[in-house]
PDB file of N, CA and C in Angstrom:
ATOM      1  N   MET A   1       4.759  -7.549 -47.500  1.00  0.00           N
ATOM      2  CA  MET A   1       4.125  -8.647 -48.183  1.00  0.00           C
ATOM      3  C   MET A   1       2.624  -8.592 -47.922  1.00  0.00           C
ATOM      4  N   THR A   2       1.871  -9.004 -48.889  1.00  0.00           N
ATOM      5  CA  THR A   2       0.428  -9.043 -48.708  1.00  0.00           C
ATOM      6  C   THR A   2      -0.056 -10.473 -48.850  1.00  0.00           C
ATOM      7  N   GLY A   3      -1.226 -10.729 -48.337  1.00  0.00           N
ATOM      8  CA  GLY A   3      -1.793 -12.070 -48.399  1.00  0.00           C
ATOM      9  C   GLY A   3      -2.526 -12.351 -47.108  1.00  0.00           C
ATOM     10  N   PRO A   4      -3.041 -13.559 -46.958  1.00  0.00           N
ATOM     11  CA  PRO A   4      -3.722 -13.909 -45.713  1.00  0.00           C
ATOM     12  C   PRO A   4      -2.775 -13.778 -44.527  1.00  0.00           C
ATOM     13  N   ALA A   5      -3.332 -13.458 -43.380  1.00  0.00           N
ATOM     14  CA  ALA A   5      -2.506 -13.273 -42.184  1.00  0.00           C
ATOM     15  C   ALA A   5      -1.828 -14.570 -41.783  1.00  0.00           C
ATOM     16  N   PRO A   6      -0.525 -14.513 -41.434  1.00  0.00           N
ATOM     17  CA  PRO A   6       0.166 -15.724 -40.985  1.00  0.00           C
ATOM     18  C   PRO A   6      -0.433 -16.245 -39.680  1.00  0.00           C
ATOM     19  N   TYR A   7      -0.336 -17.534 -39.471  1.00  0.00           N
ATOM     20  CA  TYR A   7      -0.774 -18.162 -38.242  1.00  0.00           C
ATOM     21  C   TYR A   7       0.193 -17.738 -37.140  1.00  0.00           C
ATOM     22  N   PRO A   8      -0.292 -17.204 -36.020  1.00  0.00           N
ATOM     23  CA  PRO A   8       0.602 -16.634 -35.004  1.00  0.00           C
ATOM     24  C   PRO A   8       1.678 -17.578 -34.477  1.00  0.00           C
ATOM     25  N   GLN A   9       1.387 -18.826 -34.242  1.00  0.00           N
ATOM     26  CA  GLN A   9       2.366 -19.759 -33.682  1.00  0.00           C
ATOM     27  C   GLN A   9       2.894 -20.732 -34.721  1.00  0.00           C
ATOM     28  N   GLY A  10       2.577 -20.529 -35.981  1.00  0.00           N
ATOM     29  CA  GLY A  10       2.899 -21.507 -37.003  1.00  0.00           C
ATOM     30  C   GLY A  10       4.124 -21.204 -37.825  1.00  0.00           C
ATOM     31  N   GLY A  11       5.101 -20.541 -37.275  1.00  0.00           N
ATOM     32  CA  GLY A  11       6.319 -20.274 -38.014  1.00  0.00           C
ATOM     33  C   GLY A  11       6.097 -19.413 -39.235  1.00  0.00           C
ATOM     34  N   GLY A  12       4.974 -18.698 -39.284  1.00  0.00           N
ATOM     35  CA  GLY A  12       4.677 -17.826 -40.410  1.00  0.00           C
ATOM     36  C   GLY A  12       3.761 -18.433 -41.454  1.00  0.00           C
ATOM     37  N   LEU A  13       3.252 -19.636 -41.236  1.00  0.00           N
ATOM     38  CA  LEU A  13       2.344 -20.252 -42.207  1.00  0.00           C
ATOM     39  C   LEU A  13       0.987 -19.557 -42.181  1.00  0.00           C
ATOM     40  N   TYR A  14       0.367 -19.447 -43.357  1.00  0.00           N
ATOM     41  CA  TYR A  14      -0.950 -18.833 -43.448  1.00  0.00           C
ATOM     42  C   TYR A  14      -2.003 -19.704 -42.785  1.00  0.00           C
ATOM     43  N   ARG A  15      -2.965 -19.069 -42.170  1.00  0.00           N
ATOM     44  CA  ARG A  15      -4.043 -19.783 -41.476  1.00  0.00           C
ATOM     45  C   ARG A  15      -4.838 -20.682 -42.403  1.00  0.00           C
ATOM     46  N   HIS A  16      -5.036 -20.254 -43.644  1.00  0.00           N
ATOM     47  CA  HIS A  16      -5.878 -21.055 -44.545  1.00  0.00           C
ATOM     48  C   HIS A  16      -5.219 -22.374 -44.951  1.00  0.00           C
ATOM     49  N   ILE A  17      -3.942 -22.550 -44.686  1.00  0.00           N
ATOM     50  CA  ILE A  17      -3.232 -23.803 -44.977  1.00  0.00           C
ATOM     51  C   ILE A  17      -3.439 -24.811 -43.843  1.00  0.00           C
ATOM     52  N   LEU A  18      -3.885 -24.325 -42.683  1.00  0.00           N
ATOM     53  CA  LEU A  18      -3.999 -25.161 -41.491  1.00  0.00           C
ATOM     54  C   LEU A  18      -5.447 -25.488 -41.166  1.00  0.00           C
ATOM     55  N   THR A  19      -5.633 -26.665 -40.598  1.00  0.00           N
ATOM     56  CA  THR A  19      -6.927 -27.078 -40.071  1.00  0.00           C
ATOM     57  C   THR A  19      -6.685 -27.605 -38.662  1.00  0.00           C
ATOM     58  N   ASN A  20      -7.338 -26.989 -37.691  1.00  0.00           N
ATOM     59  CA  ASN A  20      -7.159 -27.364 -36.277  1.00  0.00           C
ATOM     60  C   ASN A  20      -5.694 -27.335 -35.853  1.00  0.00           C
ATOM     61  N   GLY A  21      -4.932 -26.372 -36.361  1.00  0.00           N
ATOM     62  CA  GLY A  21      -3.536 -26.210 -35.975  1.00  0.00           C
ATOM     63  C   GLY A  21      -2.552 -27.117 -36.686  1.00  0.00           C
ATOM     64  N   ASN A  22      -3.036 -27.972 -37.592  1.00  0.00           N
ATOM     65  CA  ASN A  22      -2.164 -28.865 -38.354  1.00  0.00           C
ATOM     66  C   ASN A  22      -2.267 -28.544 -39.839  1.00  0.00           C
ATOM     67  N   VAL A  23      -1.234 -28.918 -40.583  1.00  0.00           N
ATOM     68  CA  VAL A  23      -1.237 -28.694 -42.028  1.00  0.00           C
ATOM     69  C   VAL A  23      -2.338 -29.525 -42.665  1.00  0.00           C
ATOM     70  N   ASP A  24      -3.144 -28.881 -43.504  1.00  0.00           N
ATOM     71  CA  ASP A  24      -4.180 -29.570 -44.276  1.00  0.00           C
ATOM     72  C   ASP A  24      -3.519 -30.092 -45.547  1.00  0.00           C
ATOM     73  N   HIS A  25      -3.452 -31.408 -45.690  1.00  0.00           N
ATOM     74  CA  HIS A  25      -2.733 -32.035 -46.798  1.00  0.00           C
ATOM     75  C   HIS A  25      -3.243 -31.569 -48.158  1.00  0.00           C
ATOM     76  N   ALA A  26      -4.541 -31.537 -48.350  1.00  0.00           N
ATOM     77  CA  ALA A  26      -5.120 -31.143 -49.640  1.00  0.00           C
ATOM     78  C   ALA A  26      -4.783 -29.688 -49.974  1.00  0.00           C
ATOM     79  N   LYS A  27      -4.852 -28.813 -48.995  1.00  0.00           N
ATOM     80  CA  LYS A  27      -4.534 -27.398 -49.226  1.00  0.00           C
ATOM     81  C   LYS A  27      -3.050 -27.211 -49.518  1.00  0.00           C
ATOM     82  N   TRP A  28      -2.196 -27.970 -48.826  1.00  0.00           N
ATOM     83  CA  TRP A  28      -0.756 -27.894 -49.066  1.00  0.00           C
ATOM     84  C   TRP A  28      -0.436 -28.365 -50.480  1.00  0.00           C
ATOM     85  N   LEU A  29      -1.011 -29.500 -50.880  1.00  0.00           N
ATOM     86  CA  LEU A  29      -0.766 -30.013 -52.226  1.00  0.00           C
ATOM     87  C   LEU A  29      -1.236 -29.040 -53.294  1.00  0.00           C
ATOM     88  N   ARG A  30      -2.377 -28.407 -53.056  1.00  0.00           N
ATOM     89  CA  ARG A  30      -2.872 -27.425 -54.022  1.00  0.00           C
ATOM     90  C   ARG A  30      -1.897 -26.259 -54.141  1.00  0.00           C
ATOM     91  N   ALA A  31      -1.410 -25.753 -53.021  1.00  0.00           N
ATOM     92  CA  ALA A  31      -0.439 -24.651 -53.047  1.00  0.00           C
ATOM     93  C   ALA A  31       0.844 -25.094 -53.753  1.00  0.00           C
ATOM     94  N   TYR A  32       1.277 -26.315 -53.493  1.00  0.00           N
ATOM     95  CA  TYR A  32       2.496 -26.838 -54.121  1.00  0.00           C
ATOM     96  C   TYR A  32       2.327 -26.957 -55.641  1.00  0.00           C
ATOM     97  N   THR A  33       1.224 -27.541 -56.081  1.00  0.00           N
ATOM     98  CA  THR A  33       1.030 -27.749 -57.518  1.00  0.00           C
ATOM     99  C   THR A  33       0.743 -26.451 -58.263  1.00  0.00           C
ATOM    100  N   GLU A  34       0.149 -25.478 -57.585  1.00  0.00           N
ATOM    101  CA  GLU A  34      -0.166 -24.188 -58.209  1.00  0.00           C
ATOM    102  C   GLU A  34       0.936 -23.149 -57.995  1.00  0.00           C
ATOM    103  N   HIS A  35       2.039 -23.550 -57.392  1.00  0.00           N
ATOM    104  CA  HIS A  35       3.188 -22.670 -57.133  1.00  0.00           C
ATOM    105  C   HIS A  35       2.770 -21.437 -56.329  1.00  0.00           C
ATOM    106  N   ARG A  36       1.949 -21.665 -55.315  1.00  0.00           N
ATOM    107  CA  ARG A  36       1.503 -20.580 -54.434  1.00  0.00           C
ATOM    108  C   ARG A  36       2.310 -20.603 -53.140  1.00  0.00           C
ATOM    109  N   HIS A  37       2.373 -19.472 -52.498  1.00  0.00           N
ATOM    110  CA  HIS A  37       3.096 -19.369 -51.237  1.00  0.00           C
ATOM    111  C   HIS A  37       2.209 -19.839 -50.092  1.00  0.00           C
ATOM    112  N   VAL A  38       2.840 -20.372 -49.059  1.00  0.00           N
ATOM    113  CA  VAL A  38       2.087 -20.890 -47.917  1.00  0.00           C
ATOM    114  C   VAL A  38       2.304 -20.079 -46.642  1.00  0.00           C
ATOM    115  N   GLY A  39       3.074 -19.006 -46.723  1.00  0.00           N
ATOM    116  CA  GLY A  39       3.307 -18.186 -45.550  1.00  0.00           C
ATOM    117  C   GLY A  39       4.356 -17.133 -45.804  1.00  0.00           C
ATOM    118  N   GLU A  40       4.795 -16.522 -44.702  1.00  0.00           N
ATOM    119  CA  GLU A  40       5.824 -15.487 -44.757  1.00  0.00           C
ATOM    120  C   GLU A  40       6.931 -15.829 -43.769  1.00  0.00           C
ATOM    121  N   CYS A  41       8.164 -15.641 -44.217  1.00  0.00           N
ATOM    122  CA  CYS A  41       9.329 -15.929 -43.377  1.00  0.00           C
ATOM    123  C   CYS A  41       9.343 -14.984 -42.181  1.00  0.00           C
ATOM    124  N   ARG A  42       9.518 -15.534 -41.019  1.00  0.00           N
ATOM    125  CA  ARG A  42       9.565 -14.702 -39.823  1.00  0.00           C
ATOM    126  C   ARG A  42      10.907 -14.005 -39.655  1.00  0.00           C
ATOM    127  N   HIS A  43      11.882 -14.415 -40.455  1.00  0.00           N
ATOM    128  CA  HIS A  43      13.205 -13.807 -40.355  1.00  0.00           C
ATOM    129  C   HIS A  43      13.335 -12.590 -41.269  1.00  0.00           C
ATOM    130  N   CYS A  44      12.936 -12.735 -42.549  1.00  0.00           N
ATOM    131  CA  CYS A  44      13.139 -11.646 -43.509  1.00  0.00           C
ATOM    132  C   CYS A  44      11.846 -11.128 -44.147  1.00  0.00           C
ATOM    133  N   SER A  45      10.709 -11.710 -43.825  1.00  0.00           N
ATOM    134  CA  SER A  45       9.385 -11.298 -44.312  1.00  0.00           C
ATOM    135  C   SER A  45       9.108 -11.614 -45.778  1.00  0.00           C
ATOM    136  N   ASN A  46       9.952 -12.408 -46.438  1.00  0.00           N
ATOM    137  CA  ASN A  46       9.649 -12.861 -47.793  1.00  0.00           C
ATOM    138  C   ASN A  46       8.690 -14.040 -47.713  1.00  0.00           C
ATOM    139  N   TYR A  47       8.224 -14.486 -48.871  1.00  0.00           N
ATOM    140  CA  TYR A  47       7.273 -15.588 -48.915  1.00  0.00           C
ATOM    141  C   TYR A  47       7.935 -16.936 -48.677  1.00  0.00           C
ATOM    142  N   LEU A  48       7.129 -17.884 -48.188  1.00  0.00           N
ATOM    143  CA  LEU A  48       7.559 -19.265 -48.009  1.00  0.00           C
ATOM    144  C   LEU A  48       7.002 -20.109 -49.153  1.00  0.00           C
ATOM    145  N   ARG A  49       7.878 -20.844 -49.807  1.00  0.00           N
ATOM    146  CA  ARG A  49       7.496 -21.726 -50.912  1.00  0.00           C
ATOM    147  C   ARG A  49       7.363 -23.151 -50.370  1.00  0.00           C
ATOM    148  N   PRO A  50       6.228 -23.811 -50.620  1.00  0.00           N
ATOM    149  CA  PRO A  50       6.075 -25.174 -50.108  1.00  0.00           C
ATOM    150  C   PRO A  50       6.925 -26.176 -50.886  1.00  0.00           C
ATOM    151  N   GLU A  51       7.496 -27.112 -50.170  1.00  0.00           N
ATOM    152  CA  GLU A  51       8.202 -28.231 -50.778  1.00  0.00           C
ATOM    153  C   GLU A  51       7.205 -29.376 -50.914  1.00  0.00           C
ATOM    154  N   ARG A  52       7.546 -30.350 -51.729  1.00  0.00           N
ATOM    155  CA  ARG A  52       6.667 -31.504 -51.893  1.00  0.00           C
ATOM    156  C   ARG A  52       6.600 -32.282 -50.577  1.00  0.00           C
ATOM    157  N   PRO A  53       5.390 -32.611 -50.100  1.00  0.00           N
ATOM    158  CA  PRO A  53       5.278 -33.412 -48.884  1.00  0.00           C
ATOM    159  C   PRO A  53       5.955 -34.766 -49.084  1.00  0.00           C
ATOM    160  N   HIS A  54       6.613 -35.253 -48.050  1.00  0.00           N
ATOM    161  CA  HIS A  54       7.267 -36.545 -48.192  1.00  0.00           C
ATOM    162  C   HIS A  54       6.942 -37.444 -46.999  1.00  0.00           C
ATOM    163  N   PRO A  55       6.578 -38.703 -47.328  1.00  0.00           N
ATOM    164  CA  PRO A  55       6.287 -39.653 -46.249  1.00  0.00           C
ATOM    165  C   PRO A  55       7.577 -40.051 -45.540  1.00  0.00           C
ATOM    166  N   HIS A  56       7.469 -40.213 -44.236  1.00  0.00           N
ATOM    167  CA  HIS A  56       8.644 -40.559 -43.436  1.00  0.00           C
ATOM    168  C   HIS A  56       8.182 -41.378 -42.230  1.00  0.00           C
ATOM    169  N   HIS A  57       8.478 -42.659 -42.219  1.00  0.00           N
ATOM    170  CA  HIS A  57       8.140 -43.555 -41.112  1.00  0.00           C
ATOM    171  C   HIS A  57       6.670 -43.477 -40.712  1.00  0.00           C
ATOM    172  N   GLY A  58       5.789 -43.588 -41.697  1.00  0.00           N
ATOM    173  CA  GLY A  58       4.354 -43.635 -41.408  1.00  0.00           C
ATOM    174  C   GLY A  58       3.680 -42.296 -41.210  1.00  0.00           C
ATOM    175  N   ARG A  59       4.373 -41.215 -41.444  1.00  0.00           N
ATOM    176  CA  ARG A  59       3.763 -39.883 -41.335  1.00  0.00           C
ATOM    177  C   ARG A  59       4.174 -39.073 -42.560  1.00  0.00           C
ATOM    178  N   THR A  60       3.495 -37.981 -42.797  1.00  0.00           N
ATOM    179  CA  THR A  60       3.835 -37.099 -43.906  1.00  0.00           C
ATOM    180  C   THR A  60       4.438 -35.823 -43.344  1.00  0.00           C
ATOM    181  N   ASP A  61       5.643 -35.490 -43.796  1.00  0.00           N
ATOM    182  CA  ASP A  61       6.332 -34.281 -43.340  1.00  0.00           C
ATOM    183  C   ASP A  61       6.193 -33.176 -44.372  1.00  0.00           C
ATOM    184  N   TYR A  62       6.079 -31.948 -43.890  1.00  0.00           N
ATOM    185  CA  TYR A  62       5.924 -30.778 -44.742  1.00  0.00           C
ATOM    186  C   TYR A  62       7.034 -29.783 -44.424  1.00  0.00           C
ATOM    187  N   GLU A  63       7.580 -29.167 -45.467  1.00  0.00           N
ATOM    188  CA  GLU A  63       8.573 -28.110 -45.295  1.00  0.00           C
ATOM    189  C   GLU A  63       8.285 -26.998 -46.281  1.00  0.00           C
ATOM    190  N   ALA A  64       8.535 -25.778 -45.849  1.00  0.00           N
ATOM    191  CA  ALA A  64       8.422 -24.610 -46.712  1.00  0.00           C
ATOM    192  C   ALA A  64       9.714 -23.822 -46.566  1.00  0.00           C
ATOM    193  N   THR A  65      10.232 -23.320 -47.678  1.00  0.00           N
ATOM    194  CA  THR A  65      11.501 -22.611 -47.685  1.00  0.00           C
ATOM    195  C   THR A  65      11.294 -21.172 -48.120  1.00  0.00           C
ATOM    196  N   CYS A  66      12.019 -20.268 -47.491  1.00  0.00           N
ATOM    197  CA  CYS A  66      11.970 -18.858 -47.851  1.00  0.00           C
ATOM    198  C   CYS A  66      12.476 -18.674 -49.282  1.00  0.00           C
ATOM    199  N   ILE A  67      11.800 -17.808 -50.045  1.00  0.00           N
ATOM    200  CA  ILE A  67      12.207 -17.583 -51.432  1.00  0.00           C
ATOM    201  C   ILE A  67      13.446 -16.708 -51.538  1.00  0.00           C
ATOM    202  N   ASN A  68      13.821 -16.057 -50.456  1.00  0.00           N
ATOM    203  CA  ASN A  68      15.021 -15.233 -50.421  1.00  0.00           C
ATOM    204  C   ASN A  68      16.228 -16.148 -50.259  1.00  0.00           C
ATOM    205  N   GLU A  69      17.033 -16.283 -51.290  1.00  0.00           N
ATOM    206  CA  GLU A  69      18.157 -17.218 -51.265  1.00  0.00           C
ATOM    207  C   GLU A  69      19.211 -16.862 -50.217  1.00  0.00           C
ATOM    208  N   THR A  70      19.319 -15.596 -49.845  1.00  0.00           N
ATOM    209  CA  THR A  70      20.282 -15.227 -48.814  1.00  0.00           C
ATOM    210  C   THR A  70      19.768 -15.576 -47.422  1.00  0.00           C
ATOM    211  N   CYS A  71      18.476 -15.745 -47.277  1.00  0.00           N
ATOM    212  CA  CYS A  71      17.888 -16.144 -45.997  1.00  0.00           C
ATOM    213  C   CYS A  71      17.873 -17.669 -45.882  1.00  0.00           C
ATOM    214  N   ALA A  72      17.231 -18.326 -46.830  1.00  0.00           N
ATOM    215  CA  ALA A  72      17.165 -19.795 -46.911  1.00  0.00           C
ATOM    216  C   ALA A  72      16.622 -20.462 -45.649  1.00  0.00           C
ATOM    217  N   ARG A  73      15.771 -19.784 -44.901  1.00  0.00           N
ATOM    218  CA  ARG A  73      15.155 -20.402 -43.726  1.00  0.00           C
ATOM    219  C   ARG A  73      14.096 -21.401 -44.185  1.00  0.00           C
ATOM    220  N   THR A  74      13.843 -22.380 -43.349  1.00  0.00           N
ATOM    221  CA  THR A  74      12.813 -23.360 -43.648  1.00  0.00           C
ATOM    222  C   THR A  74      11.908 -23.539 -42.436  1.00  0.00           C
ATOM    223  N   VAL A  75      10.642 -23.792 -42.713  1.00  0.00           N
ATOM    224  CA  VAL A  75       9.663 -24.074 -41.674  1.00  0.00           C
ATOM    225  C   VAL A  75       9.279 -25.530 -41.824  1.00  0.00           C
ATOM    226  N   ALA A  76       9.357 -26.277 -40.746  1.00  0.00           N
ATOM    227  CA  ALA A  76       9.052 -27.708 -40.780  1.00  0.00           C
ATOM    228  C   ALA A  76       7.744 -27.996 -40.059  1.00  0.00           C
ATOM    229  N   ALA A  77       7.016 -28.968 -40.593  1.00  0.00           N
ATOM    230  CA  ALA A  77       5.797 -29.456 -39.960  1.00  0.00           C
ATOM    231  C   ALA A  77       5.823 -30.986 -40.035  1.00  0.00           C
ATOM    232  N   PRO A  78       6.565 -31.626 -39.138  1.00  0.00           N
ATOM    233  CA  PRO A  78       6.648 -33.085 -39.167  1.00  0.00           C
ATOM    234  C   PRO A  78       5.300 -33.705 -38.805  1.00  0.00           C
ATOM    235  N   GLY A  79       4.828 -34.579 -39.674  1.00  0.00           N
ATOM    236  CA  GLY A  79       3.536 -35.212 -39.444  1.00  0.00           C
ATOM    237  C   GLY A  79       2.379 -34.233 -39.487  1.00  0.00           C
ATOM    238  N   GLY A  80       2.605 -33.047 -40.065  1.00  0.00           N
ATOM    239  CA  GLY A  80       1.566 -32.024 -40.143  1.00  0.00           C
ATOM    240  C   GLY A  80       1.498 -31.110 -38.936  1.00  0.00           C
ATOM    241  N   ARG A  81       2.263 -31.425 -37.896  1.00  0.00           N
ATOM    242  CA  ARG A  81       2.273 -30.571 -36.704  1.00  0.00           C
ATOM    243  C   ARG A  81       3.125 -29.347 -36.982  1.00  0.00           C
ATOM    244  N   VAL A  82       2.584 -28.186 -36.729  1.00  0.00           N
ATOM    245  CA  VAL A  82       3.285 -26.940 -37.013  1.00  0.00           C
ATOM    246  C   VAL A  82       4.240 -26.615 -35.881  1.00  0.00           C
ATOM    247  N   LEU A  83       5.504 -26.382 -36.246  1.00  0.00           N
ATOM    248  CA  LEU A  83       6.517 -25.978 -35.278  1.00  0.00           C
ATOM    249  C   LEU A  83       6.726 -24.481 -35.381  1.00  0.00           C
ATOM    250  N   ALA A  84       6.911 -23.820 -34.270  1.00  0.00           N
ATOM    251  CA  ALA A  84       7.042 -22.368 -34.254  1.00  0.00           C
ATOM    252  C   ALA A  84       8.426 -21.896 -34.671  1.00  0.00           C
ATOM    253  N   ARG A  85       9.432 -22.741 -34.549  1.00  0.00           N
ATOM    254  CA  ARG A  85      10.795 -22.324 -34.858  1.00  0.00           C
ATOM    255  C   ARG A  85      11.165 -22.624 -36.292  1.00  0.00           C
ATOM    256  N   THR A  86      12.139 -21.864 -36.780  1.00  0.00           N
ATOM    257  CA  THR A  86      12.696 -22.111 -38.102  1.00  0.00           C
ATOM    258  C   THR A  86      14.163 -22.437 -37.939  1.00  0.00           C
ATOM    259  N   LYS A  87      14.753 -23.000 -38.958  1.00  0.00           N
ATOM    260  CA  LYS A  87      16.179 -23.280 -38.904  1.00  0.00           C
ATOM    261  C   LYS A  87      16.831 -22.727 -40.153  1.00  0.00           C
ATOM    262  N   ASN A  88      18.080 -22.408 -40.070  1.00  0.00           N
ATOM    263  CA  ASN A  88      18.803 -21.904 -41.219  1.00  0.00           C
ATOM    264  C   ASN A  88      19.515 -23.079 -41.864  1.00  0.00           C
ATOM    265  N   ILE A  89      19.025 -23.525 -43.012  1.00  0.00           N
ATOM    266  CA  ILE A  89      19.592 -24.718 -43.640  1.00  0.00           C
ATOM    267  C   ILE A  89      20.937 -24.428 -44.285  1.00  0.00           C
ATOM    268  N   GLN A  90      21.262 -23.158 -44.503  1.00  0.00           N
ATOM    269  CA  GLN A  90      22.564 -22.826 -45.076  1.00  0.00           C
ATOM    270  C   GLN A  90      23.687 -23.250 -44.132  1.00  0.00           C
ATOM    271  N   LYS A  91      23.488 -23.147 -42.854  1.00  0.00           N
ATOM    272  CA  LYS A  91      24.515 -23.500 -41.885  1.00  0.00           C
ATOM    273  C   LYS A  91      24.853 -24.983 -41.939  1.00  0.00           C
ATOM    274  N   ASN A  92      23.876 -25.804 -42.317  1.00  0.00           N
ATOM    275  CA  ASN A  92      24.075 -27.247 -42.327  1.00  0.00           C
ATOM    276  C   ASN A  92      24.546 -27.773 -43.683  1.00  0.00           C
ATOM    277  N   ARG A  93      24.582 -26.944 -44.717  1.00  0.00           N
ATOM    278  CA  ARG A  93      24.992 -27.401 -46.035  1.00  0.00           C
ATOM    279  C   ARG A  93      26.490 -27.656 -46.063  1.00  0.00           C
ATOM    280  N   GLY A  94      26.855 -28.729 -46.725  1.00  0.00           N
ATOM    281  CA  GLY A  94      28.270 -29.046 -46.893  1.00  0.00           C
ATOM    282  C   GLY A  94      28.907 -29.727 -45.704  1.00  0.00           C
ATOM    283  N   LYS A  95      28.118 -30.114 -44.728  1.00  0.00           N
ATOM    284  CA  LYS A  95      28.676 -30.797 -43.543  1.00  0.00           C
ATOM    285  C   LYS A  95      28.310 -32.251 -43.579  1.00  0.00           C
TER     286      LYS A  95
END
């Protein structure tokens, strides 16, 4: 995959999406509306597609999902804080 280098501790998110280690809301929204990728999956190396930011108990949560449907990993940034781990949402579907 080509593109800006992923943020080392950011679950594969591109550095240009982050400001001071947190998700930049304006940059995330621009990537979301322009259908641009926000990083690379650390599991399969495909691109991460941003989901629409959603408010949750006074904070804005961000999620990006791998475009590889067989991988289906997601990167979460609750309140804009970047988490280094990913989770496999396929395991939780249907439960």
